[in-house]
Protein backbone atom coordinates (compact mmCIF):
# COMPACT_ATOMS: atom_id res chain seq x y z
CA UNK A 1 9.57 -7.15 12.13
CA UNK A 2 6.06 -7.33 10.60
CA UNK A 3 4.20 -4.16 9.45
CA UNK A 4 0.54 -4.40 9.36
CA UNK A 5 -2.59 -2.41 9.17
CA UNK A 6 -5.47 -3.36 11.71
CA UNK A 7 -8.93 -3.79 10.32
CA UNK A 8 -11.91 -2.27 12.17
CA UNK A 9 -13.22 -5.61 13.17
CA UNK A 10 -9.88 -6.72 14.51
CA UNK A 11 -9.52 -3.98 17.19
CA UNK A 12 -11.44 -5.83 19.88
CA UNK A 13 -9.39 -9.07 19.66
CA UNK A 14 -6.20 -7.18 19.34
CA UNK A 15 -6.80 -4.51 22.24
CA UNK A 16 -4.47 -6.20 24.58
CA UNK A 17 -1.59 -5.98 22.22
CA UNK A 18 -1.99 -2.21 21.93
CA UNK A 19 -3.17 -1.13 25.20
CA UNK A 20 0.25 -0.30 26.84
CA UNK A 21 1.41 1.62 23.86
CA UNK A 22 -1.93 3.53 23.65
CA UNK A 23 -2.00 4.46 27.32
CA UNK A 24 1.67 5.32 26.99
CA UNK A 25 0.83 7.85 24.01
CA UNK A 26 -2.18 9.14 25.94
CA UNK A 27 -0.10 9.94 29.10
CA UNK A 28 2.55 11.70 27.05
CA UNK A 29 0.81 13.51 24.33
CA UNK A 30 -2.70 14.25 25.91
CA UNK A 31 -4.19 15.04 22.41
CA UNK A 32 -6.13 11.76 22.08
CA UNK A 33 -7.05 9.11 24.52
CA UNK A 34 -6.74 5.56 23.92
CA UNK A 35 -10.45 5.17 23.74
CA UNK A 36 -10.71 7.85 21.05
CA UNK A 37 -8.18 6.04 18.98
CA UNK A 38 -9.98 2.63 19.41
CA UNK A 39 -13.36 4.31 18.57
CA UNK A 40 -11.97 5.97 15.48
CA UNK A 41 -10.38 2.50 14.29
CA UNK A 42 -13.75 0.75 15.27
CA UNK A 43 -15.62 3.26 13.09
CA UNK A 44 -13.05 3.37 10.28
CA UNK A 45 -12.48 7.02 10.63
CA UNK A 46 -8.85 6.14 11.81
CA UNK A 47 -6.45 3.58 10.75
CA UNK A 48 -4.05 1.79 13.05
CA UNK A 49 -0.63 0.74 11.57
CA UNK A 50 1.70 -1.33 13.79
CA UNK A 51 5.08 -2.99 13.99
CA UNK A 52 5.48 -6.35 15.74
CA UNK A 53 7.57 -9.26 16.11
CA UNK A 54 6.87 -12.74 17.40
CA UNK A 55 6.69 -11.32 21.02
CA UNK A 56 4.73 -8.02 20.94
CA UNK A 57 3.68 -4.86 19.19
CA UNK A 58 6.51 -2.43 19.39
CA UNK A 59 5.12 0.68 17.78
CA UNK A 60 1.92 1.99 16.25
CA UNK A 61 1.00 4.81 13.90
CA UNK A 62 -2.54 6.04 13.37
CA UNK A 63 -3.83 8.18 10.36
CA UNK A 64 -7.04 9.90 9.21
CA UNK A 65 -7.94 10.59 5.61
CA UNK A 66 -9.01 14.17 5.06
CA UNK A 67 -10.76 15.45 1.99
CA UNK A 68 -9.02 18.70 0.81
CA UNK A 69 -9.12 20.87 -2.15
CA UNK A 70 -6.05 19.07 -3.57
CA UNK A 71 -7.54 15.77 -2.94
CA UNK A 72 -7.47 13.03 -0.24
CA UNK A 73 -4.56 13.75 2.37
CA UNK A 74 -3.44 10.99 4.69
CA UNK A 75 -2.75 12.78 8.06
CA UNK A 76 -0.38 11.07 10.40
CA UNK A 77 -2.16 11.69 13.77
CA UNK A 78 -0.41 9.65 16.48
CA UNK A 79 2.55 7.45 16.96
CA UNK A 80 4.08 5.68 20.01
CA UNK A 81 6.64 2.94 20.47
CA UNK A 82 10.33 2.04 20.27
CA UNK A 83 11.75 0.43 17.13
CA UNK A 84 14.92 0.88 15.24
CA UNK A 85 14.94 3.61 12.53
CA UNK A 86 14.90 0.96 9.76
CA UNK A 87 11.67 -0.43 11.25
CA UNK A 88 10.09 2.85 11.76
CA UNK A 89 11.09 3.72 8.04
CA UNK A 90 9.47 0.53 6.96
CA UNK A 91 6.25 1.48 8.84
CA UNK A 92 6.17 4.92 7.18
CA UNK A 93 6.80 3.39 3.83
CA UNK A 94 3.96 0.82 4.45
CA UNK A 95 1.67 3.75 5.25
CA UNK A 96 2.94 5.64 2.19
CA UNK A 97 1.90 2.78 -0.04
CA UNK A 98 -1.24 2.35 1.51
CA UNK A 99 -2.27 6.01 1.30
CA UNK A 100 -1.45 5.92 -2.54
CA UNK A 101 -3.53 2.91 -2.96
CA UNK A 102 -6.63 4.67 -1.35
CA UNK A 103 -5.86 7.77 -3.64
CA UNK A 104 -4.28 10.11 -1.34
CA UNK A 105 -2.10 12.87 -2.98
CA UNK A 106 -0.07 13.59 0.05
CA UNK A 107 1.00 12.54 3.67
CA UNK A 108 0.56 15.33 6.22
CA UNK A 109 2.04 15.47 9.74
CA UNK A 110 -0.03 17.29 12.52
CA UNK A 111 2.10 17.29 15.81
CA UNK A 112 5.29 17.81 17.39
CA UNK A 113 8.55 18.67 15.45
CA UNK A 114 9.98 15.33 16.45
CA UNK A 115 7.82 13.79 13.77
CA UNK A 116 10.10 15.47 11.19
CA UNK A 117 12.88 12.98 12.10
CA UNK A 118 10.73 10.04 10.70
CA UNK A 119 11.52 10.97 7.12
CA UNK A 120 13.51 14.10 5.76
CA UNK A 121 11.04 14.33 2.84
CA UNK A 122 8.46 15.95 5.07
CA UNK A 123 8.96 19.75 5.07
CA UNK A 124 7.33 22.14 7.38
CA UNK A 125 4.48 24.01 5.55
CA UNK A 126 2.94 25.86 8.41
CA UNK A 127 2.53 25.91 12.25
CA UNK A 128 -0.07 24.60 14.79
CA UNK A 129 -0.51 27.08 17.76
CA UNK A 130 -2.91 27.26 20.54
CA UNK A 131 -3.80 29.49 23.53
CA UNK A 132 -5.34 27.95 26.67
CA UNK A 133 -8.54 29.56 27.62
């Protein structure tokens, strides 16, 4: 499978390739809508990475770059799709290399515990909790 990063100007022409996965993510996770992700990619505040073969896009992963006291941190924000473990690992390694290239000092996950299965090098460093009002 091919791993890629979609450029901001490519989102409109590739929308149909991602819409099913983006809508599936939106229905499942409810933290971000498909429109918010597309808008973030279009504005270059989010990056959209994907896995595809000759037939379709099988998975996506979105990131945001946060400026922190320790330097730039690449935050893994959203992911959806089905792909073999080796392909998911290739996607994560691609993102890791890209993050290094843009000067990030760390990758950070914000989300469900299931993210930790993507790569055992990630260690929990805190929690995210919320209370409905």
